[in-house]
C-alpha atoms as a PDB file:
ATOM      1  CA  MET A   1      87.347  90.039 111.669  1.00  0.00           C
ATOM      2  CA  GLU A   2      86.302  88.471 108.321  1.00  0.00           C
ATOM      3  CA  ALA A   3      87.640  85.125 106.868  1.00  0.00           C
ATOM      4  CA  LEU A   4      89.394  85.598 103.940  1.00  0.00           C
ATOM      5  CA  ASP A   5      89.256  83.120 100.957  1.00  0.00           C
ATOM      6  CA  LYS A   6      92.517  81.047 100.467  1.00  0.00           C
ATOM      7  CA  SER A   7      93.626  82.243  97.191  1.00  0.00           C
ATOM      8  CA  ALA A   8      93.755  86.050  98.682  1.00  0.00           C
ATOM      9  CA  ILE A   9      95.444  84.874 101.839  1.00  0.00           C
ATOM     10  CA  ARG A  10      98.010  82.684  99.530  1.00  0.00           C
ATOM     11  CA  LYS A  11      98.648  86.149  97.517  1.00  0.00           C
ATOM     12  CA  ASP A  12      99.289  88.181 100.778  1.00  0.00           C
ATOM     13  CA  VAL A  13     101.639  85.483 102.590  1.00  0.00           C
ATOM     14  CA  ARG A  14     103.675  85.066  99.082  1.00  0.00           C
ATOM     15  CA  ARG A  15     104.053  88.888  98.901  1.00  0.00           C
ATOM     16  CA  LYS A  16     104.874  89.345 102.749  1.00  0.00           C
ATOM     17  CA  ARG A  17     107.479  86.527 102.810  1.00  0.00           C
ATOM     18  CA  LYS A  18     109.178  87.890  99.618  1.00  0.00           C
ATOM     19  CA  GLN A  19     109.305  91.400 101.304  1.00  0.00           C
ATOM     20  CA  MET A  20     111.030  90.151 104.262  1.00  0.00           C
ATOM     21  CA  LYS A  21     114.595  91.430 104.553  1.00  0.00           C
ATOM     22  CA  GLU A  22     117.003  88.784 104.941  1.00  0.00           C
ATOM     23  CA  GLU A  23     118.186  89.430 108.517  1.00  0.00           C
ATOM     24  CA  ASP A  24     114.712  89.215 109.526  1.00  0.00           C
ATOM     25  CA  PHE A  25     114.139  85.821 107.706  1.00  0.00           C
ATOM     26  CA  ASN A  26     117.178  84.429 109.281  1.00  0.00           C
ATOM     27  CA  SER A  27     116.369  85.775 112.744  1.00  0.00           C
ATOM     28  CA  LEU A  28     112.636  84.637 112.598  1.00  0.00           C
ATOM     29  CA  SER A  29     113.796  81.238 111.146  1.00  0.00           C
ATOM     30  CA  ALA A  30     116.503  81.080 113.965  1.00  0.00           C
ATOM     31  CA  LYS A  31     113.577  81.129 116.658  1.00  0.00           C
ATOM     32  CA  ILE A  32     111.625  78.613 115.254  1.00  0.00           C
ATOM     33  CA  TYR A  33     114.902  76.499 115.225  1.00  0.00           C
ATOM     34  CA  SER A  34     115.167  77.306 118.652  1.00  0.00           C
ATOM     35  CA  TYR A  35     111.704  76.244 119.550  1.00  0.00           C
ATOM     36  CA  LEU A  36     111.894  73.233 117.757  1.00  0.00           C
ATOM     37  CA  PHE A  37     115.332  72.034 119.662  1.00  0.00           C
ATOM     38  CA  SER A  38     114.531  73.131 123.206  1.00  0.00           C
ATOM     39  CA  PRO A  39     115.150  70.882 125.899  1.00  0.00           C
ATOM     40  CA  SER A  40     111.365  70.533 126.450  1.00  0.00           C
ATOM     41  CA  PHE A  41     110.473  69.515 123.122  1.00  0.00           C
ATOM     42  CA  LEU A  42     111.008  65.841 122.468  1.00  0.00           C
ATOM     43  CA  LEU A  43     112.094  64.765 119.143  1.00  0.00           C
ATOM     44  CA  PRO A  44     111.050  61.305 117.854  1.00  0.00           C
ATOM     45  CA  GLU A  45     113.539  59.113 115.982  1.00  0.00           C
ATOM     46  CA  CYS A  46     111.798  59.025 112.678  1.00  0.00           C
ATOM     47  CA  ILE A  47     111.001  62.686 110.905  1.00  0.00           C
ATOM     48  CA  GLY A  48     109.646  63.584 107.948  1.00  0.00           C
ATOM     49  CA  ILE A  49     110.393  67.296 106.881  1.00  0.00           C
ATOM     50  CA  TYR A  50     109.916  69.356 103.675  1.00  0.00           C
ATOM     51  CA  VAL A  51     112.809  71.149 102.005  1.00  0.00           C
ATOM     52  CA  SER A  52     112.259  75.004 102.233  1.00  0.00           C
ATOM     53  CA  TYR A  53     111.089  76.757  99.094  1.00  0.00           C
ATOM     54  CA  LYS A  54     110.793  80.508  97.896  1.00  0.00           C
ATOM     55  CA  HIS A  55     110.902  82.030 101.390  1.00  0.00           C
ATOM     56  CA  GLU A  56     109.412  79.312 103.668  1.00  0.00           C
ATOM     57  CA  VAL A  57     110.847  78.911 107.021  1.00  0.00           C
ATOM     58  CA  ASP A  58     114.232  77.735 106.333  1.00  0.00           C
ATOM     59  CA  THR A  59     114.490  73.973 106.942  1.00  0.00           C
ATOM     60  CA  ILE A  60     118.211  73.265 106.035  1.00  0.00           C
ATOM     61  CA  ALA A  61     119.701  74.052 109.256  1.00  0.00           C
ATOM     62  CA  ILE A  62     116.586  71.813 110.749  1.00  0.00           C
ATOM     63  CA  ILE A  63     117.401  69.091 108.572  1.00  0.00           C
ATOM     64  CA  GLN A  64     121.296  69.138 109.028  1.00  0.00           C
ATOM     65  CA  GLN A  65     120.740  69.503 113.090  1.00  0.00           C
ATOM     66  CA  LEU A  66     118.224  66.436 112.781  1.00  0.00           C
ATOM     67  CA  LEU A  67     121.179  64.411 111.110  1.00  0.00           C
ATOM     68  CA  ASN A  68     123.786  65.363 113.506  1.00  0.00           C
ATOM     69  CA  LEU A  69     121.119  64.023 116.269  1.00  0.00           C
ATOM     70  CA  HIS A  70     121.131  61.011 114.450  1.00  0.00           C
ATOM     71  CA  LYS A  71     117.439  61.028 113.832  1.00  0.00           C
ATOM     72  CA  ARG A  72     116.166  59.227 110.576  1.00  0.00           C
ATOM     73  CA  VAL A  73     115.120  61.950 108.127  1.00  0.00           C
ATOM     74  CA  PHE A  74     112.624  61.372 105.367  1.00  0.00           C
ATOM     75  CA  VAL A  75     112.173  64.075 102.387  1.00  0.00           C
ATOM     76  CA  PRO A  76     109.165  64.342 100.396  1.00  0.00           C
ATOM     77  CA  LYS A  77     109.427  63.687  96.431  1.00  0.00           C
ATOM     78  CA  ILE A  78     106.684  64.464  94.095  1.00  0.00           C
ATOM     79  CA  ILE A  79     105.494  61.625  92.336  1.00  0.00           C
ATOM     80  CA  SER A  80     102.528  62.668  90.422  1.00  0.00           C
ATOM     81  CA  PRO A  81      99.667  65.441  90.822  1.00  0.00           C
ATOM     82  CA  ARG A  82      98.385  65.083  94.590  1.00  0.00           C
ATOM     83  CA  GLN A  83     101.134  62.088  95.336  1.00  0.00           C
ATOM     84  CA  MET A  84     104.502  62.251  96.926  1.00  0.00           C
ATOM     85  CA  ASP A  85     106.627  59.641  98.440  1.00  0.00           C
ATOM     86  CA  PHE A  86     109.186  60.102 101.626  1.00  0.00           C
ATOM     87  CA  ILE A  87     112.579  58.938 101.077  1.00  0.00           C
ATOM     88  CA  GLU A  88     115.256  58.631 103.705  1.00  0.00           C
ATOM     89  CA  ILE A  89     118.280  60.877 103.497  1.00  0.00           C
ATOM     90  CA  PHE A  90     121.564  60.505 105.135  1.00  0.00           C
ATOM     91  CA  SER A  91     123.331  63.835 104.209  1.00  0.00           C
ATOM     92  CA  LEU A  92     122.230  67.174 102.708  1.00  0.00           C
ATOM     93  CA  ASN A  93     123.946  66.028  99.772  1.00  0.00           C
ATOM     94  CA  ASP A  94     121.120  63.355  99.257  1.00  0.00           C
ATOM     95  CA  LEU A  95     119.220  66.471  97.878  1.00  0.00           C
ATOM     96  CA  LYS A  96     118.877  67.607  94.358  1.00  0.00           C
ATOM     97  CA  GLU A  97     116.642  70.129  92.608  1.00  0.00           C
ATOM     98  CA  ASN A  98     113.769  69.294  90.717  1.00  0.00           C
ATOM     99  CA  ALA A  99     112.431  70.609  87.512  1.00  0.00           C
ATOM    100  CA  MET A 100     110.505  73.303  89.601  1.00  0.00           C
ATOM    101  CA  GLY A 101     113.455  73.984  91.553  1.00  0.00           C
ATOM    102  CA  ILE A 102     112.520  72.283  94.891  1.00  0.00           C
ATOM    103  CA  LYS A 103     115.269  70.394  96.466  1.00  0.00           C
ATOM    104  CA  GLU A 104     114.213  66.468  96.878  1.00  0.00           C
ATOM    105  CA  PRO A 105     116.281  63.245  97.385  1.00  0.00           C
ATOM    106  CA  CYS A 106     117.867  62.065  94.501  1.00  0.00           C
ATOM    107  CA  CYS A 107     118.262  58.519  95.441  1.00  0.00           C
ATOM    108  CA  GLY A 108     116.643  56.247  97.978  1.00  0.00           C
ATOM    109  CA  GLN A 109     113.896  53.963  98.475  1.00  0.00           C
ATOM    110  CA  LYS A 110     110.309  55.358  99.788  1.00  0.00           C
ATOM    111  CA  VAL A 111     109.491  54.048 102.689  1.00  0.00           C
ATOM    112  CA  ASP A 112     105.683  53.712 104.284  1.00  0.00           C
ATOM    113  CA  PRO A 113     104.673  56.984 105.854  1.00  0.00           C
ATOM    114  CA  CYS A 114     103.341  55.161 108.968  1.00  0.00           C
ATOM    115  CA  ILE A 115     106.880  54.772 110.224  1.00  0.00           C
ATOM    116  CA  ILE A 116     107.318  58.467 110.272  1.00  0.00           C
ATOM    117  CA  GLU A 117     106.480  59.671 113.720  1.00  0.00           C
ATOM    118  CA  MET A 118     106.443  63.339 113.459  1.00  0.00           C
ATOM    119  CA  MET A 119     105.818  65.386 110.075  1.00  0.00           C
ATOM    120  CA  ILE A 120     106.932  68.702 109.693  1.00  0.00           C
ATOM    121  CA  THR A 121     104.702  70.222 106.875  1.00  0.00           C
ATOM    122  CA  PRO A 122     105.202  73.777 105.031  1.00  0.00           C
ATOM    123  CA  LEU A 123     101.863  76.078 105.204  1.00  0.00           C
ATOM    124  CA  ILE A 124     101.134  79.027 103.647  1.00  0.00           C
ATOM    125  CA  ALA A 125      98.639  80.424 106.748  1.00  0.00           C
ATOM    126  CA  TYR A 126      97.097  78.760 109.738  1.00  0.00           C
ATOM    127  CA  ASN A 127      95.064  79.716 112.460  1.00  0.00           C
ATOM    128  CA  LEU A 128      94.405  79.233 116.177  1.00  0.00           C
ATOM    129  CA  LYS A 129      92.566  75.851 115.791  1.00  0.00           C
ATOM    130  CA  LYS A 130      95.703  74.501 114.090  1.00  0.00           C
ATOM    131  CA  ASP A 131      94.112  74.753 110.614  1.00  0.00           C
ATOM    132  CA  ARG A 132      96.310  75.248 107.722  1.00  0.00           C
ATOM    133  CA  ILE A 133      96.495  76.423 104.093  1.00  0.00           C
ATOM    134  CA  GLY A 134      99.070  74.947 101.893  1.00  0.00           C
ATOM    135  CA  GLN A 135     100.485  75.627  98.541  1.00  0.00           C
ATOM    136  CA  GLY A 136      97.324  74.303  96.869  1.00  0.00           C
ATOM    137  CA  GLY A 137      98.372  70.970  95.690  1.00  0.00           C
ATOM    138  CA  GLY A 138      96.658  68.702  98.113  1.00  0.00           C
ATOM    139  CA  PHE A 139      99.803  66.782  98.808  1.00  0.00           C
ATOM    140  CA  TYR A 140      99.532  66.809 102.813  1.00  0.00           C
ATOM    141  CA  ASP A 141      95.911  66.719 102.753  1.00  0.00           C
ATOM    142  CA  THR A 142      96.042  63.586 100.845  1.00  0.00           C
ATOM    143  CA  LEU A 143      98.736  62.262 103.029  1.00  0.00           C
ATOM    144  CA  PHE A 144      97.300  63.616 106.297  1.00  0.00           C
ATOM    145  CA  ALA A 145      94.053  62.029 105.611  1.00  0.00           C
ATOM    146  CA  HIS A 146      95.594  58.396 106.643  1.00  0.00           C
ATOM    147  CA  TYR A 147      98.643  59.824 108.869  1.00  0.00           C
ATOM    148  CA  GLN A 148      98.730  58.663 112.467  1.00  0.00           C
ATOM    149  CA  GLY A 149     101.953  60.536 113.581  1.00  0.00           C
ATOM    150  CA  LEU A 150     102.159  64.128 115.091  1.00  0.00           C
ATOM    151  CA  LYS A 151     101.690  66.696 112.660  1.00  0.00           C
ATOM    152  CA  VAL A 152     103.718  69.854 112.935  1.00  0.00           C
ATOM    153  CA  GLY A 153     103.431  73.104 110.889  1.00  0.00           C
ATOM    154  CA  LEU A 154     106.443  75.666 110.607  1.00  0.00           C
ATOM    155  CA  ALA A 155     105.436  79.350 109.905  1.00  0.00           C
ATOM    156  CA  PHE A 156     106.283  82.962 110.705  1.00  0.00           C
ATOM    157  CA  SER A 157     103.697  84.401 113.351  1.00  0.00           C
ATOM    158  CA  PHE A 158     102.365  87.019 110.394  1.00  0.00           C
ATOM    159  CA  GLN A 159     101.049  84.018 108.601  1.00  0.00           C
ATOM    160  CA  GLN A 160      98.224  83.689 111.140  1.00  0.00           C
ATOM    161  CA  TYR A 161      94.687  84.110 109.264  1.00  0.00           C
ATOM    162  CA  ILE A 162      91.178  83.673 109.945  1.00  0.00           C
ATOM    163  CA  PHE A 163      89.916  81.522 107.316  1.00  0.00           C
ATOM    164  CA  GLU A 164      87.370  78.907 106.680  1.00  0.00           C
ATOM    165  CA  VAL A 165      88.351  75.260 106.188  1.00  0.00           C
ATOM    166  CA  GLU A 166      86.887  72.588 103.435  1.00  0.00           C
ATOM    167  CA  GLU A 167      85.965  69.253 103.946  1.00  0.00           C
ATOM    168  CA  HIS A 168      89.289  67.740 102.714  1.00  0.00           C
ATOM    169  CA  ASP A 169      91.676  70.066 104.897  1.00  0.00           C
ATOM    170  CA  GLN A 170      93.460  68.359 107.424  1.00  0.00           C
ATOM    171  CA  GLY A 171      94.438  70.096 110.478  1.00  0.00           C
ATOM    172  CA  LEU A 172      97.733  70.064 112.358  1.00  0.00           C
ATOM    173  CA  ASP A 173      98.679  68.900 115.962  1.00  0.00           C
ATOM    174  CA  MET A 174     100.875  71.777 116.723  1.00  0.00           C
ATOM    175  CA  ILE A 175     102.277  74.736 114.908  1.00  0.00           C
ATOM    176  CA  ILE A 176     105.781  76.259 115.871  1.00  0.00           C
ATOM    177  CA  THR A 177     106.208  79.864 115.161  1.00  0.00           C
ATOM    178  CA  ASP A 178     108.837  82.640 115.686  1.00  0.00           C
ATOM    179  CA  THR A 179     106.626  83.729 118.907  1.00  0.00           C
ATOM    180  CA  GLY A 180     106.303  80.182 120.039  1.00  0.00           C
ATOM    181  CA  ILE A 181     104.485  77.039 120.035  1.00  0.00           C
ATOM    182  CA  ILE A 182     100.525  76.585 119.492  1.00  0.00           C
END
């Protein structure tokens, strides 16, 4: 199978996610949730996680469960092109939509990402080598160039593709899908 370019993959995945029936979206997101919270998966105390947007794997239930488990939860806030800060939240009420419609922390102080032990990241596509294609803004590639914690991607299994990585692309340590953990 031939490698596709990133723009073609982004377009294809966005189309597939948008076409998902709500019951399939909820069922597949629930499977990913169950892998993340399985007894064999040990969650650290400090976890960074994105807030899902436009048909990404649903993270609202994950964030709520992390808060219920008294984990420290840090959510990104976009500051400028290719830069985001992580801010601790204590409730889903700490999130408000920004100008792009993405929920992010409305208050709080930024933290040094080095205190975050596990970073749960969004992705458009992944491969079996645990490389990822993001939205194209470079936010996570920039962060992961220095980040020492566990890098975890969440994706639906249909987001697996063959693609070439570029020098600036940062891989993941683990990818959790609706069919298992890679």
